[in-house]
Amino acid sequence: MSTAAIIGIAVAVVVVLVVIAFAVRRQSYRKHLRERFGPEYDRTVRARPRRAAEQELADREKRHERLEIKPLSSSARERYLQQWALVQEQFVDHPSEAVKDADRLVAAVMAERGYPADSEPEQRFADLSVRHSHTVEQYRIAHQVKCRQDRSQVSTEELREAIVRYRSLFEELVNEDAGHAVG
């Protein structure tokens, strides 16, 4: 066999190995994103082409790394739990106001934890999806109910479901890292 043929075969083998390594790496990264984002991965992939969706999720991870997310102090945690109890009590007589207050309370907890307080809802959902992939959809739905109630009537049952959905994220935000809380 000639030297040129051997070099050609070697180059072909190297190219095949590089392609295989790239495919394995891509699959590994896709698995990482699926595990990290859970249902949010599927939602994002349904909304746009897979590569664009995966790039968006990777960008969310990078943005999240730059945020200074911190646990709540023990006193802040207790204060928020008391405020949540008041929101739930308020629901009996004023369900519409309770939903608005639940939205504001979740936003306040997020801000104290280090999430950008002034971001648009879609950015808040994206920021939360990195660490709270299983409850961000609950927040998204609850927030939609809150926005709809600003424009029109929503049923008491929809408001009740919104409160329950807000609570799922609220509890995760307040209780995450509770063992590591300062003060």
C-alpha atoms as a PDB file:
ATOM      1  CA  MET A   1       0.000   0.000   0.000  1.00  0.00           C
ATOM      2  CA  SER A   2       1.310   3.430  -0.895  1.00  0.00           C
ATOM      3  CA  THR A   3       2.113   6.152   1.608  1.00  0.00           C
ATOM      4  CA  ALA A   4      -0.612   8.381   0.103  1.00  0.00           C
ATOM      5  CA  ALA A   5      -3.210   5.629   0.602  1.00  0.00           C
ATOM      6  CA  ILE A   6      -2.143   5.107   4.216  1.00  0.00           C
ATOM      7  CA  ILE A   7      -2.332   8.858   4.865  1.00  0.00           C
ATOM      8  CA  GLY A   8      -5.756   8.983   3.189  1.00  0.00           C
ATOM      9  CA  ILE A   9      -7.046   6.137   5.351  1.00  0.00           C
ATOM     10  CA  ALA A  10      -5.595   7.739   8.486  1.00  0.00           C
ATOM     11  CA  VAL A  11      -7.200  11.087   7.654  1.00  0.00           C
ATOM     12  CA  ALA A  12     -10.539   9.370   7.000  1.00  0.00           C
ATOM     13  CA  VAL A  13     -10.305   7.516  10.335  1.00  0.00           C
ATOM     14  CA  VAL A  14      -9.483  10.768  12.160  1.00  0.00           C
ATOM     15  CA  VAL A  15     -12.422  12.546  10.480  1.00  0.00           C
ATOM     16  CA  VAL A  16     -14.786   9.720  11.439  1.00  0.00           C
ATOM     17  CA  LEU A  17     -13.506   9.776  15.032  1.00  0.00           C
ATOM     18  CA  VAL A  18     -13.948  13.554  15.222  1.00  0.00           C
ATOM     19  CA  VAL A  19     -17.512  13.260  13.892  1.00  0.00           C
ATOM     20  CA  ILE A  20     -18.290  10.500  16.393  1.00  0.00           C
ATOM     21  CA  ALA A  21     -16.745  12.490  19.257  1.00  0.00           C
ATOM     22  CA  PHE A  22     -18.777  15.554  18.264  1.00  0.00           C
ATOM     23  CA  ALA A  23     -21.997  13.499  18.114  1.00  0.00           C
ATOM     24  CA  VAL A  24     -21.297  11.908  21.505  1.00  0.00           C
ATOM     25  CA  ARG A  25     -20.516  15.301  23.021  1.00  0.00           C
ATOM     26  CA  ARG A  26     -23.697  16.781  21.542  1.00  0.00           C
ATOM     27  CA  GLN A  27     -25.784  13.908  22.947  1.00  0.00           C
ATOM     28  CA  SER A  28     -24.134  14.303  26.325  1.00  0.00           C
ATOM     29  CA  TYR A  29     -24.846  18.033  26.345  1.00  0.00           C
ATOM     30  CA  ARG A  30     -28.451  17.426  25.240  1.00  0.00           C
ATOM     31  CA  LYS A  31     -28.832  14.969  28.142  1.00  0.00           C
ATOM     32  CA  HIS A  32     -27.390  17.577  30.524  1.00  0.00           C
ATOM     33  CA  LEU A  33     -29.924  20.159  29.323  1.00  0.00           C
ATOM     34  CA  ARG A  34     -32.812  17.698  29.625  1.00  0.00           C
ATOM     35  CA  GLU A  35     -31.811  16.829  33.185  1.00  0.00           C
ATOM     36  CA  ARG A  36     -31.208  20.449  34.168  1.00  0.00           C
ATOM     37  CA  PHE A  37     -34.344  21.937  32.646  1.00  0.00           C
ATOM     38  CA  GLY A  38     -36.768  18.998  32.815  1.00  0.00           C
ATOM     39  CA  PRO A  39     -40.159  19.975  31.402  1.00  0.00           C
ATOM     40  CA  GLU A  40     -38.823  23.416  30.443  1.00  0.00           C
ATOM     41  CA  TYR A  41     -36.464  21.695  27.967  1.00  0.00           C
ATOM     42  CA  ASP A  42     -39.433  20.084  26.213  1.00  0.00           C
ATOM     43  CA  ARG A  43     -41.430  23.327  26.222  1.00  0.00           C
ATOM     44  CA  THR A  44     -38.534  25.278  24.730  1.00  0.00           C
ATOM     45  CA  VAL A  45     -37.807  22.644  22.065  1.00  0.00           C
ATOM     46  CA  ARG A  46     -41.487  22.599  21.055  1.00  0.00           C
ATOM     47  CA  ALA A  47     -41.418  26.379  20.608  1.00  0.00           C
ATOM     48  CA  ARG A  48     -38.421  26.575  18.240  1.00  0.00           C
ATOM     49  CA  PRO A  49     -35.931  24.431  16.328  1.00  0.00           C
ATOM     50  CA  ARG A  50     -33.894  22.118  18.574  1.00  0.00           C
ATOM     51  CA  ARG A  51     -30.520  23.823  18.070  1.00  0.00           C
ATOM     52  CA  ALA A  52     -31.967  27.280  18.698  1.00  0.00           C
ATOM     53  CA  ALA A  53     -33.817  26.000  21.759  1.00  0.00           C
ATOM     54  CA  GLU A  54     -30.710  24.327  23.157  1.00  0.00           C
ATOM     55  CA  GLN A  55     -28.688  27.493  22.529  1.00  0.00           C
ATOM     56  CA  GLU A  56     -31.318  29.495  24.386  1.00  0.00           C
ATOM     57  CA  LEU A  57     -31.145  27.097  27.344  1.00  0.00           C
ATOM     58  CA  ALA A  58     -27.339  27.291  27.331  1.00  0.00           C
ATOM     59  CA  ASP A  59     -27.615  31.089  27.315  1.00  0.00           C
ATOM     60  CA  ARG A  60     -29.967  30.891  30.298  1.00  0.00           C
ATOM     61  CA  GLU A  61     -27.364  28.858  32.183  1.00  0.00           C
ATOM     62  CA  LYS A  62     -24.660  31.433  31.400  1.00  0.00           C
ATOM     63  CA  ARG A  63     -26.865  34.330  32.484  1.00  0.00           C
ATOM     64  CA  HIS A  64     -27.828  32.473  35.664  1.00  0.00           C
ATOM     65  CA  GLU A  65     -24.161  31.904  36.529  1.00  0.00           C
ATOM     66  CA  ARG A  66     -23.682  35.692  36.541  1.00  0.00           C
ATOM     67  CA  LEU A  67     -26.547  36.219  38.991  1.00  0.00           C
ATOM     68  CA  GLU A  68     -25.716  36.304  42.658  1.00  0.00           C
ATOM     69  CA  ILE A  69     -28.417  33.982  43.956  1.00  0.00           C
ATOM     70  CA  LYS A  70     -28.291  33.697  47.724  1.00  0.00           C
ATOM     71  CA  PRO A  71     -30.351  32.024  50.428  1.00  0.00           C
ATOM     72  CA  LEU A  72     -32.779  34.049  52.483  1.00  0.00           C
ATOM     73  CA  SER A  73     -31.862  34.988  56.003  1.00  0.00           C
ATOM     74  CA  SER A  74     -33.866  33.200  58.677  1.00  0.00           C
ATOM     75  CA  SER A  75     -35.689  36.424  59.545  1.00  0.00           C
ATOM     76  CA  ALA A  76     -36.540  37.155  55.893  1.00  0.00           C
ATOM     77  CA  ARG A  77     -37.745  33.606  55.441  1.00  0.00           C
ATOM     78  CA  GLU A  78     -40.061  33.915  58.459  1.00  0.00           C
ATOM     79  CA  ARG A  79     -41.296  37.323  57.306  1.00  0.00           C
ATOM     80  CA  TYR A  80     -42.169  35.938  53.852  1.00  0.00           C
ATOM     81  CA  LEU A  81     -43.894  32.897  55.328  1.00  0.00           C
ATOM     82  CA  GLN A  82     -46.035  35.203  57.446  1.00  0.00           C
ATOM     83  CA  GLN A  83     -46.854  37.345  54.427  1.00  0.00           C
ATOM     84  CA  TRP A  84     -47.837  34.232  52.480  1.00  0.00           C
ATOM     85  CA  ALA A  85     -50.185  33.188  55.282  1.00  0.00           C
ATOM     86  CA  LEU A  86     -51.844  36.607  55.001  1.00  0.00           C
ATOM     87  CA  VAL A  87     -52.215  36.193  51.216  1.00  0.00           C
ATOM     88  CA  GLN A  88     -53.957  32.869  51.756  1.00  0.00           C
ATOM     89  CA  GLU A  89     -56.251  34.354  54.395  1.00  0.00           C
ATOM     90  CA  GLN A  90     -57.045  37.283  52.110  1.00  0.00           C
ATOM     91  CA  PHE A  91     -58.134  34.876  49.390  1.00  0.00           C
ATOM     92  CA  VAL A  92     -61.361  34.048  51.252  1.00  0.00           C
ATOM     93  CA  ASP A  93     -62.771  37.575  50.995  1.00  0.00           C
ATOM     94  CA  HIS A  94     -60.738  39.091  48.151  1.00  0.00           C
ATOM     95  CA  PRO A  95     -59.450  36.369  45.790  1.00  0.00           C
ATOM     96  CA  SER A  96     -58.524  38.791  43.007  1.00  0.00           C
ATOM     97  CA  GLU A  97     -56.393  40.927  45.329  1.00  0.00           C
ATOM     98  CA  ALA A  98     -54.826  37.822  46.850  1.00  0.00           C
ATOM     99  CA  VAL A  99     -53.598  36.708  43.420  1.00  0.00           C
ATOM    100  CA  LYS A 100     -52.061  40.141  42.782  1.00  0.00           C
ATOM    101  CA  ASP A 101     -50.426  40.047  46.214  1.00  0.00           C
ATOM    102  CA  ALA A 102     -49.123  36.511  45.587  1.00  0.00           C
ATOM    103  CA  ASP A 103     -47.530  37.717  42.351  1.00  0.00           C
ATOM    104  CA  ARG A 104     -45.903  40.657  44.133  1.00  0.00           C
ATOM    105  CA  LEU A 105     -44.739  38.450  47.009  1.00  0.00           C
ATOM    106  CA  VAL A 106     -43.095  35.920  44.695  1.00  0.00           C
ATOM    107  CA  ALA A 107     -41.380  38.808  42.879  1.00  0.00           C
ATOM    108  CA  ALA A 108     -40.153  40.201  46.221  1.00  0.00           C
ATOM    109  CA  VAL A 109     -38.717  36.845  47.288  1.00  0.00           C
ATOM    110  CA  MET A 110     -37.019  36.482  43.912  1.00  0.00           C
ATOM    111  CA  ALA A 111     -35.488  39.956  44.236  1.00  0.00           C
ATOM    112  CA  GLU A 112     -34.202  39.287  47.749  1.00  0.00           C
ATOM    113  CA  ARG A 113     -32.708  35.990  46.555  1.00  0.00           C
ATOM    114  CA  GLY A 114     -30.817  37.868  43.813  1.00  0.00           C
ATOM    115  CA  TYR A 115     -32.980  37.500  40.725  1.00  0.00           C
ATOM    116  CA  PRO A 116     -33.333  40.725  38.715  1.00  0.00           C
ATOM    117  CA  ALA A 117     -36.389  42.484  40.117  1.00  0.00           C
ATOM    118  CA  ASP A 118     -37.088  44.729  37.157  1.00  0.00           C
ATOM    119  CA  SER A 119     -37.016  42.142  34.383  1.00  0.00           C
ATOM    120  CA  GLU A 120     -39.949  41.341  32.127  1.00  0.00           C
ATOM    121  CA  PRO A 121     -42.007  38.251  32.986  1.00  0.00           C
ATOM    122  CA  GLU A 122     -40.481  36.148  30.184  1.00  0.00           C
ATOM    123  CA  GLN A 123     -36.994  36.934  31.493  1.00  0.00           C
ATOM    124  CA  ARG A 124     -38.059  36.039  35.043  1.00  0.00           C
ATOM    125  CA  PHE A 125     -39.401  32.712  33.760  1.00  0.00           C
ATOM    126  CA  ALA A 126     -36.132  32.092  31.912  1.00  0.00           C
ATOM    127  CA  ASP A 127     -34.005  32.998  34.953  1.00  0.00           C
ATOM    128  CA  LEU A 128     -36.057  30.762  37.222  1.00  0.00           C
ATOM    129  CA  SER A 129     -36.021  27.842  34.799  1.00  0.00           C
ATOM    130  CA  VAL A 130     -32.365  27.111  35.485  1.00  0.00           C
ATOM    131  CA  ARG A 131     -32.875  26.146  39.153  1.00  0.00           C
ATOM    132  CA  HIS A 132     -36.646  25.785  39.335  1.00  0.00           C
ATOM    133  CA  SER A 133     -37.465  23.924  36.156  1.00  0.00           C
ATOM    134  CA  HIS A 134     -40.322  21.961  37.671  1.00  0.00           C
ATOM    135  CA  THR A 135     -42.178  24.929  39.156  1.00  0.00           C
ATOM    136  CA  VAL A 136     -41.497  27.665  36.612  1.00  0.00           C
ATOM    137  CA  GLU A 137     -44.414  26.457  34.493  1.00  0.00           C
ATOM    138  CA  GLN A 138     -46.669  26.774  37.553  1.00  0.00           C
ATOM    139  CA  TYR A 139     -45.486  30.362  37.926  1.00  0.00           C
ATOM    140  CA  ARG A 140     -45.991  31.040  34.224  1.00  0.00           C
ATOM    141  CA  ILE A 141     -49.613  29.818  34.359  1.00  0.00           C
ATOM    142  CA  ALA A 142     -50.382  31.690  37.599  1.00  0.00           C
ATOM    143  CA  HIS A 143     -48.933  34.882  36.148  1.00  0.00           C
ATOM    144  CA  GLN A 144     -51.089  34.470  33.024  1.00  0.00           C
ATOM    145  CA  VAL A 145     -54.187  34.250  35.232  1.00  0.00           C
ATOM    146  CA  LYS A 146     -53.091  37.381  37.077  1.00  0.00           C
ATOM    147  CA  CYS A 147     -52.633  39.223  33.762  1.00  0.00           C
ATOM    148  CA  ARG A 148     -55.983  38.014  32.449  1.00  0.00           C
ATOM    149  CA  GLN A 149     -57.722  39.211  35.600  1.00  0.00           C
ATOM    150  CA  ASP A 150     -56.285  42.678  34.956  1.00  0.00           C
ATOM    151  CA  ARG A 151     -58.068  42.694  31.565  1.00  0.00           C
ATOM    152  CA  SER A 152     -61.237  40.703  32.250  1.00  0.00           C
ATOM    153  CA  GLN A 153     -63.083  38.503  34.661  1.00  0.00           C
ATOM    154  CA  VAL A 154     -61.630  35.172  35.675  1.00  0.00           C
ATOM    155  CA  SER A 155     -63.438  32.608  37.742  1.00  0.00           C
ATOM    156  CA  THR A 156     -62.824  32.111  41.430  1.00  0.00           C
ATOM    157  CA  GLU A 157     -61.653  28.595  40.599  1.00  0.00           C
ATOM    158  CA  GLU A 158     -59.002  29.992  38.227  1.00  0.00           C
ATOM    159  CA  LEU A 159     -57.883  32.382  40.963  1.00  0.00           C
ATOM    160  CA  ARG A 160     -57.698  29.504  43.464  1.00  0.00           C
ATOM    161  CA  GLU A 161     -55.586  27.482  41.039  1.00  0.00           C
ATOM    162  CA  ALA A 162     -53.328  30.502  40.504  1.00  0.00           C
ATOM    163  CA  ILE A 163     -52.757  30.793  44.264  1.00  0.00           C
ATOM    164  CA  VAL A 164     -51.878  27.102  44.442  1.00  0.00           C
ATOM    165  CA  ARG A 165     -49.459  27.520  41.521  1.00  0.00           C
ATOM    166  CA  TYR A 166     -47.835  30.600  43.052  1.00  0.00           C
ATOM    167  CA  ARG A 167     -47.464  28.657  46.290  1.00  0.00           C
ATOM    168  CA  SER A 168     -45.485  25.875  44.615  1.00  0.00           C
ATOM    169  CA  LEU A 169     -42.811  28.312  43.423  1.00  0.00           C
ATOM    170  CA  PHE A 170     -43.003  30.431  46.575  1.00  0.00           C
ATOM    171  CA  GLU A 171     -42.303  27.411  48.787  1.00  0.00           C
ATOM    172  CA  GLU A 172     -39.389  26.362  46.607  1.00  0.00           C
ATOM    173  CA  LEU A 173     -37.870  29.855  46.675  1.00  0.00           C
ATOM    174  CA  VAL A 174     -38.328  30.299  50.406  1.00  0.00           C
ATOM    175  CA  ASN A 175     -37.205  26.825  51.422  1.00  0.00           C
ATOM    176  CA  GLU A 176     -34.322  26.334  48.992  1.00  0.00           C
ATOM    177  CA  ASP A 177     -31.035  26.540  50.874  1.00  0.00           C
ATOM    178  CA  ALA A 178     -32.966  27.120  54.143  1.00  0.00           C
ATOM    179  CA  GLY A 179     -30.348  25.089  55.989  1.00  0.00           C
ATOM    180  CA  HIS A 180     -27.687  27.478  54.708  1.00  0.00           C
ATOM    181  CA  ALA A 181     -29.553  30.695  55.444  1.00  0.00           C
ATOM    182  CA  VAL A 182     -27.698  33.522  57.092  1.00  0.00           C
ATOM    183  CA  GLY A 183     -28.857  35.456  60.151  1.00  0.00           C
END
